C-alpha atoms as a PDB file:
ATOM      1  CA  MET A   1      -3.187  -2.838  -5.371  1.00  0.00           C
ATOM      2  CA  ASN A   2      -5.693  -2.925  -8.087  1.00  0.00           C
ATOM      3  CA  GLU A   3      -3.719  -2.714 -11.151  1.00  0.00           C
ATOM      4  CA  LYS A   4      -4.571  -4.351 -13.810  1.00  0.00           C
ATOM      5  CA  VAL A   5      -3.181  -4.307 -17.751  1.00  0.00           C
ATOM      6  CA  PHE A   6      -5.452  -3.440 -20.099  1.00  0.00           C
ATOM      7  CA  GLY A   7      -4.616  -5.359 -23.425  1.00  0.00           C
ATOM      8  CA  GLN A   8      -1.959  -7.376 -24.095  1.00  0.00           C
ATOM      9  CA  ASN A   9       0.833  -4.387 -24.985  1.00  0.00           C
ATOM     10  CA  PRO A  10       1.222  -2.055 -22.078  1.00  0.00           C
ATOM     11  CA  LYS A  11       2.767   0.974 -23.759  1.00  0.00           C
ATOM     12  CA  LYS A  12       6.760   1.773 -23.386  1.00  0.00           C
ATOM     13  CA  ALA A  13       7.820   5.018 -21.736  1.00  0.00           C
ATOM     14  CA  SER A  14      10.926   6.672 -20.118  1.00  0.00           C
ATOM     15  CA  MET A  15      10.029   7.648 -16.421  1.00  0.00           C
ATOM     16  CA  ASP A  16       9.997  11.626 -17.718  1.00  0.00           C
ATOM     17  CA  GLU A  17       7.593  10.857 -20.780  1.00  0.00           C
ATOM     18  CA  TYR A  18       5.237   8.590 -17.892  1.00  0.00           C
ATOM     19  CA  LEU A  19       5.388  12.009 -15.254  1.00  0.00           C
ATOM     20  CA  THR A  20       4.367  13.813 -17.512  1.00  0.00           C
ATOM     21  CA  THR A  21       1.239  12.186 -19.548  1.00  0.00           C
ATOM     22  CA  GLU A  22       0.353  11.160 -15.918  1.00  0.00           C
ATOM     23  CA  ARG A  23       0.336  14.122 -15.107  1.00  0.00           C
ATOM     24  CA  HIS A  24      -2.387  14.762 -17.014  1.00  0.00           C
ATOM     25  CA  SER A  25      -4.399  11.948 -17.401  1.00  0.00           C
ATOM     26  CA  THR A  26      -7.118  11.847 -15.795  1.00  0.00           C
ATOM     27  CA  SER A  27      -6.818   7.844 -15.285  1.00  0.00           C
ATOM     28  CA  ARG A  28      -4.225   6.273 -13.522  1.00  0.00           C
ATOM     29  CA  HIS A  29      -1.216   4.210 -14.695  1.00  0.00           C
ATOM     30  CA  GLU A  30       1.648   2.886 -12.549  1.00  0.00           C
ATOM     31  CA  PHE A  31       5.016   2.632 -14.008  1.00  0.00           C
ATOM     32  CA  VAL A  32       6.869  -0.940 -13.998  1.00  0.00           C
ATOM     33  CA  ASP A  33      10.451  -0.497 -15.999  1.00  0.00           C
ATOM     34  CA  GLY A  34       9.271   1.030 -18.757  1.00  0.00           C
ATOM     35  CA  ARG A  35       5.614  -0.477 -18.765  1.00  0.00           C
ATOM     36  CA  VAL A  36       2.799   2.135 -18.495  1.00  0.00           C
ATOM     37  CA  ILE A  37       0.096  -0.277 -16.766  1.00  0.00           C
ATOM     38  CA  ALA A  38      -3.561   1.119 -16.168  1.00  0.00           C
ATOM     39  CA  ARG A  39      -4.825   1.048 -12.737  1.00  0.00           C
ATOM     40  CA  ALA A  40      -8.253  -0.358 -12.322  1.00  0.00           C
ATOM     41  CA  GLY A  41     -11.415   1.059 -10.508  1.00  0.00           C
ATOM     42  CA  ALA A  42     -12.123   0.547  -6.784  1.00  0.00           C
ATOM     43  CA  ASN A  43     -15.119  -1.419  -5.725  1.00  0.00           C
ATOM     44  CA  ARG A  44     -16.558   0.257  -2.733  1.00  0.00           C
ATOM     45  CA  PHE A  45     -15.392  -2.726   0.137  1.00  0.00           C
ATOM     46  CA  HIS A  46     -11.741  -1.745  -1.334  1.00  0.00           C
ATOM     47  CA  ASN A  47     -12.235   1.965  -0.373  1.00  0.00           C
ATOM     48  CA  VAL A  48     -14.240   1.344   2.434  1.00  0.00           C
ATOM     49  CA  LEU A  49     -10.668  -0.656   3.872  1.00  0.00           C
ATOM     50  CA  ALA A  50      -8.893   2.335   2.882  1.00  0.00           C
ATOM     51  CA  ALA A  51     -10.624   5.044   4.403  1.00  0.00           C
ATOM     52  CA  ASN A  52     -11.157   3.067   7.829  1.00  0.00           C
ATOM     53  CA  THR A  53      -7.699   2.266   7.891  1.00  0.00           C
ATOM     54  CA  ALA A  54      -6.321   6.202   7.065  1.00  0.00           C
ATOM     55  CA  ILE A  55      -9.224   7.161   9.807  1.00  0.00           C
ATOM     56  CA  ALA A  56      -7.965   5.077  12.286  1.00  0.00           C
ATOM     57  CA  LEU A  57      -3.619   5.652  12.004  1.00  0.00           C
ATOM     58  CA  GLY A  58      -4.431   9.630  11.567  1.00  0.00           C
ATOM     59  CA  SER A  59      -6.837   9.359  14.801  1.00  0.00           C
ATOM     60  CA  ARG A  60      -3.783   8.265  16.801  1.00  0.00           C
ATOM     61  CA  MET A  61      -1.297  10.435  14.997  1.00  0.00           C
ATOM     62  CA  HIS A  62      -1.813  13.586  16.231  1.00  0.00           C
ATOM     63  CA  GLY A  63       1.283  15.475  17.605  1.00  0.00           C
ATOM     64  CA  HIS A  64       3.247  13.302  14.932  1.00  0.00           C
ATOM     65  CA  LYS A  65       5.322  14.600  12.227  1.00  0.00           C
ATOM     66  CA  SER A  66       3.484  12.321   9.842  1.00  0.00           C
ATOM     67  CA  GLU A  67       1.423  13.100   7.136  1.00  0.00           C
ATOM     68  CA  ILE A  68      -0.820  10.035   5.347  1.00  0.00           C
ATOM     69  CA  TYR A  69      -1.740   9.958   1.578  1.00  0.00           C
ATOM     70  CA  ILE A  70      -4.829   8.333   0.563  1.00  0.00           C
ATOM     71  CA  SER A  71      -5.079   6.625  -3.027  1.00  0.00           C
ATOM     72  CA  ASN A  72      -3.866   9.160  -5.338  1.00  0.00           C
ATOM     73  CA  MET A  73      -0.170  10.095  -4.104  1.00  0.00           C
ATOM     74  CA  ARG A  74       2.399   8.165  -6.725  1.00  0.00           C
ATOM     75  CA  VAL A  75       5.785   6.436  -4.515  1.00  0.00           C
ATOM     76  CA  LYS A  76       8.361   5.673  -6.692  1.00  0.00           C
ATOM     77  CA  LEU A  77      10.406   3.124  -5.687  1.00  0.00           C
ATOM     78  CA  LYS A  78      12.957   1.089  -6.863  1.00  0.00           C
ATOM     79  CA  ASN A  79      13.680  -0.720  -9.971  1.00  0.00           C
ATOM     80  CA  ASN A  80      11.653   1.859 -11.797  1.00  0.00           C
ATOM     81  CA  TYR A  81       8.564   1.647 -10.183  1.00  0.00           C
ATOM     82  CA  VAL A  82       6.184   3.841  -9.617  1.00  0.00           C
ATOM     83  CA  CYS A  83       2.815   3.054  -8.241  1.00  0.00           C
ATOM     84  CA  TYR A  84      -0.180   4.404  -5.945  1.00  0.00           C
ATOM     85  CA  PRO A  85      -0.715   2.797  -2.672  1.00  0.00           C
ATOM     86  CA  ASP A  86      -3.777   2.483  -1.304  1.00  0.00           C
ATOM     87  CA  VAL A  87      -2.707   4.027   2.063  1.00  0.00           C
ATOM     88  CA  VAL A  88       0.369   5.569   2.902  1.00  0.00           C
ATOM     89  CA  VAL A  89       2.225   7.140   5.951  1.00  0.00           C
ATOM     90  CA  VAL A  90       5.077   9.071   6.058  1.00  0.00           C
ATOM     91  CA  ASN A  91       7.076   9.421   9.331  1.00  0.00           C
ATOM     92  CA  GLY A  92       9.365  12.361  10.052  1.00  0.00           C
ATOM     93  CA  GLU A  93       9.289  15.401   6.233  1.00  0.00           C
ATOM     94  CA  PRO A  94       8.085  13.867   3.433  1.00  0.00           C
ATOM     95  CA  SER A  95      10.694  14.412   0.657  1.00  0.00           C
ATOM     96  CA  PHE A  96       9.548  14.210  -3.461  1.00  0.00           C
ATOM     97  CA  ALA A  97      10.791  14.475  -6.709  1.00  0.00           C
ATOM     98  CA  ASP A  98      10.305  17.813  -7.527  1.00  0.00           C
ATOM     99  CA  GLN A  99       8.183  20.564  -7.345  1.00  0.00           C
ATOM    100  CA  ASN A 100       5.331  18.941  -7.820  1.00  0.00           C
ATOM    101  CA  PHE A 101       5.260  17.285  -4.641  1.00  0.00           C
ATOM    102  CA  ASP A 102       3.236  14.175  -6.081  1.00  0.00           C
ATOM    103  CA  LEU A 103       6.603  11.643  -6.420  1.00  0.00           C
ATOM    104  CA  LEU A 104       7.055  10.628  -3.066  1.00  0.00           C
ATOM    105  CA  LEU A 105      10.169   8.978  -2.540  1.00  0.00           C
ATOM    106  CA  ASN A 106      10.749   8.291   1.529  1.00  0.00           C
ATOM    107  CA  PRO A 107       7.892   6.418   2.164  1.00  0.00           C
ATOM    108  CA  THR A 108       7.593   4.414   6.093  1.00  0.00           C
ATOM    109  CA  VAL A 109       4.737   2.544   5.974  1.00  0.00           C
ATOM    110  CA  ILE A 110       2.239   1.003   3.091  1.00  0.00           C
ATOM    111  CA  VAL A 111      -1.046   0.040   3.086  1.00  0.00           C
ATOM    112  CA  GLU A 112      -2.293  -2.174   0.015  1.00  0.00           C
ATOM    113  CA  ILE A 113      -5.331  -3.812  -0.545  1.00  0.00           C
ATOM    114  CA  VAL A 114      -5.699  -7.010  -2.513  1.00  0.00           C
ATOM    115  CA  SER A 115      -8.531  -9.140  -3.734  1.00  0.00           C
ATOM    116  CA  ASN A 116      -9.455 -12.512  -5.663  1.00  0.00           C
ATOM    117  CA  GLN A 117      -8.727 -10.827  -8.970  1.00  0.00           C
ATOM    118  CA  THR A 118      -5.176  -9.297  -8.555  1.00  0.00           C
ATOM    119  CA  ASN A 119      -2.663 -11.230 -10.586  1.00  0.00           C
ATOM    120  CA  SER A 120      -0.021 -13.325  -8.065  1.00  0.00           C
ATOM    121  CA  SER A 121       2.616 -12.556 -10.144  1.00  0.00           C
ATOM    122  CA  ASP A 122       1.761  -8.854  -9.745  1.00  0.00           C
ATOM    123  CA  LYS A 123       1.347  -8.932  -6.211  1.00  0.00           C
ATOM    124  CA  THR A 124       5.036 -10.286  -5.577  1.00  0.00           C
ATOM    125  CA  ASN A 125       7.094  -8.157  -8.070  1.00  0.00           C
ATOM    126  CA  LYS A 126       5.091  -5.408  -5.928  1.00  0.00           C
ATOM    127  CA  LEU A 127       5.666  -6.734  -3.010  1.00  0.00           C
ATOM    128  CA  GLU A 128       9.501  -7.393  -3.323  1.00  0.00           C
ATOM    129  CA  SER A 129       9.713  -3.453  -4.562  1.00  0.00           C
ATOM    130  CA  TYR A 130       8.313  -2.591  -1.709  1.00  0.00           C
ATOM    131  CA  LEU A 131       9.983  -4.366   1.186  1.00  0.00           C
ATOM    132  CA  ALA A 132      13.345  -3.769  -0.858  1.00  0.00           C
ATOM    133  CA  MET A 133      12.666   0.006  -0.174  1.00  0.00           C
ATOM    134  CA  GLU A 134      14.736   1.276   2.926  1.00  0.00           C
ATOM    135  CA  SER A 135      12.588   3.830   3.893  1.00  0.00           C
ATOM    136  CA  ILE A 136       9.257   1.279   4.534  1.00  0.00           C
ATOM    137  CA  LYS A 137       9.467   0.465   7.774  1.00  0.00           C
ATOM    138  CA  GLU A 138       5.552  -1.525   7.539  1.00  0.00           C
ATOM    139  CA  PHE A 139       3.865  -3.354   4.851  1.00  0.00           C
ATOM    140  CA  VAL A 140       0.518  -3.599   5.579  1.00  0.00           C
ATOM    141  CA  LEU A 141      -1.484  -6.114   3.445  1.00  0.00           C
ATOM    142  CA  LEU A 142      -5.250  -6.131   3.061  1.00  0.00           C
ATOM    143  CA  LYS A 143      -7.706  -8.840   1.940  1.00  0.00           C
ATOM    144  CA  GLU A 144     -10.693  -7.889   0.308  1.00  0.00           C
ATOM    145  CA  GLU A 145     -12.967 -10.865   0.011  1.00  0.00           C
ATOM    146  CA  GLU A 146     -11.881 -11.847   3.782  1.00  0.00           C
ATOM    147  CA  MET A 147     -10.791 -10.812   7.085  1.00  0.00           C
ATOM    148  CA  ARG A 148      -7.133 -11.472   6.714  1.00  0.00           C
ATOM    149  CA  VAL A 149      -4.396  -8.968   7.372  1.00  0.00           C
ATOM    150  CA  GLU A 150      -0.661  -9.737   6.802  1.00  0.00           C
ATOM    151  CA  HIS A 151       1.748  -7.378   8.453  1.00  0.00           C
ATOM    152  CA  TYR A 152       5.449  -6.959   7.253  1.00  0.00           C
ATOM    153  CA  ALA A 153       7.801  -5.502  10.104  1.00  0.00           C
ATOM    154  CA  ARG A 154      11.441  -4.972   8.914  1.00  0.00           C
ATOM    155  CA  GLN A 155      14.242  -5.759  12.050  1.00  0.00           C
ATOM    156  CA  ASN A 156      16.844  -4.641   9.364  1.00  0.00           C
ATOM    157  CA  ALA A 157      18.011  -4.642   5.665  1.00  0.00           C
ATOM    158  CA  LYS A 158      17.875  -8.696   5.500  1.00  0.00           C
ATOM    159  CA  GLN A 159      15.024  -9.434   7.929  1.00  0.00           C
ATOM    160  CA  TRP A 160      10.941  -9.180   8.193  1.00  0.00           C
ATOM    161  CA  ILE A 161       8.645 -10.174  10.960  1.00  0.00           C
ATOM    162  CA  TYR A 162       5.656 -11.204   9.220  1.00  0.00           C
ATOM    163  CA  ARG A 163       2.105 -11.598  11.025  1.00  0.00           C
ATOM    164  CA  ILE A 164      -0.811 -12.433  10.361  1.00  0.00           C
ATOM    165  CA  TYR A 165      -4.303 -11.388  11.553  1.00  0.00           C
ATOM    166  CA  ASN A 166      -8.103 -12.486  11.187  1.00  0.00           C
ATOM    167  CA  GLU A 167      -9.810 -11.863  14.301  1.00  0.00           C
ATOM    168  CA  ARG A 168     -11.664  -9.047  14.784  1.00  0.00           C
ATOM    169  CA  ASP A 169     -10.453  -8.392  18.490  1.00  0.00           C
ATOM    170  CA  ASP A 170      -6.878  -8.692  17.132  1.00  0.00           C
ATOM    171  CA  VAL A 171      -4.327  -5.903  17.356  1.00  0.00           C
ATOM    172  CA  ILE A 172      -1.900  -4.472  14.137  1.00  0.00           C
ATOM    173  CA  SER A 173       1.048  -2.881  16.114  1.00  0.00           C
ATOM    174  CA  LEU A 174       2.852  -0.483  13.286  1.00  0.00           C
ATOM    175  CA  GLU A 175       5.854   0.682  15.768  1.00  0.00           C
ATOM    176  CA  SER A 176       7.428   2.264  13.199  1.00  0.00           C
ATOM    177  CA  ILE A 177       4.506   5.149  13.630  1.00  0.00           C
ATOM    178  CA  ASN A 178       3.623   4.520  17.332  1.00  0.00           C
ATOM    179  CA  CYS A 179       0.226   3.227  16.516  1.00  0.00           C
ATOM    180  CA  LYS A 180      -2.621   0.159  17.113  1.00  0.00           C
ATOM    181  CA  VAL A 181      -5.069  -0.723  15.133  1.00  0.00           C
ATOM    182  CA  SER A 182      -7.870  -3.578  15.531  1.00  0.00           C
ATOM    183  CA  VAL A 183      -8.754  -5.573  12.773  1.00  0.00           C
ATOM    184  CA  SER A 184     -12.245  -4.752  13.896  1.00  0.00           C
ATOM    185  CA  GLU A 185     -11.597  -0.952  13.021  1.00  0.00           C
ATOM    186  CA  VAL A 186     -10.098  -1.509   9.571  1.00  0.00           C
ATOM    187  CA  TYR A 187     -13.006  -4.289   8.562  1.00  0.00           C
ATOM    188  CA  ALA A 188     -16.148  -2.140  10.087  1.00  0.00           C
ATOM    189  CA  SER A 189     -19.002  -2.332   7.772  1.00  0.00           C
ATOM    190  CA  VAL A 190     -17.138  -4.580   5.279  1.00  0.00           C
ATOM    191  CA  LYS A 191     -18.677  -7.513   4.527  1.00  0.00           C
ATOM    192  CA  ALA A 192     -15.275 -10.008   4.445  1.00  0.00           C
ATOM    193  CA  LYS A 193     -15.628 -13.678   5.664  1.00  0.00           C
ATOM    194  CA  HIS A 194     -13.586 -14.586   9.044  1.00  0.00           C
ATOM    195  CA  THR A 195     -10.751 -17.543   7.882  1.00  0.00           C
ATOM    196  CA  GLU A 196     -10.019 -20.280   9.713  1.00  0.00           C
ATOM    197  CA  LEU A 197      -6.308 -19.544  10.444  1.00  0.00           C
ATOM    198  CA  SER A 198      -4.837 -18.763  13.848  1.00  0.00           C
ATOM    199  CA  SER A 199      -3.601 -15.090  14.088  1.00  0.00           C
ATOM    200  CA  LYS A 200       0.027 -16.205  15.115  1.00  0.00           C
ATOM    201  CA  ALA A 201       3.468 -14.519  14.516  1.00  0.00           C
ATOM    202  CA  VAL A 202       6.075 -16.474  11.860  1.00  0.00           C
ATOM    203  CA  ASN A 203       9.536 -15.202  12.639  1.00  0.00           C
END
């Protein structure tokens, strides 16, 4: 979740125009209701968080019918939205928009990394789009500057359980892919400040 609008008037395009251009572009752009929005580059700790998470998940998913994608997989959400999550897990057979296999339609778990520079309205809009996606069973938000994990777990079409983890020995349980990952693994080698919020479930 490292998007920024470059310029005051983002380009307008159709989905087909966006995909044709994006597939030949050297930089990445997201597609939001006809607007083409450039993504900012990721810094050292952003990349470490994404790698740590993918490695931790991958080490526990041997034998599972699952696939993990890091940073460069386009995901199509509802409301005419295409984005590049930091980590995506598909449990079962992945489904793609076409034979290019680069526009995923059925993510199971999404992991996004945010910083203090992330636009709050962009964060909110993207979160709502993720939670509206039927295939997504869990959404994990990692804070870059502080040790804080926000975990949304789907219970049914209208209910999610929201948990916050901010202690190194906290364990994040991703039931949809049968994986458990510790906060210490995710934040290994990352200089993030400790928060004082107790890690309790909020229903």
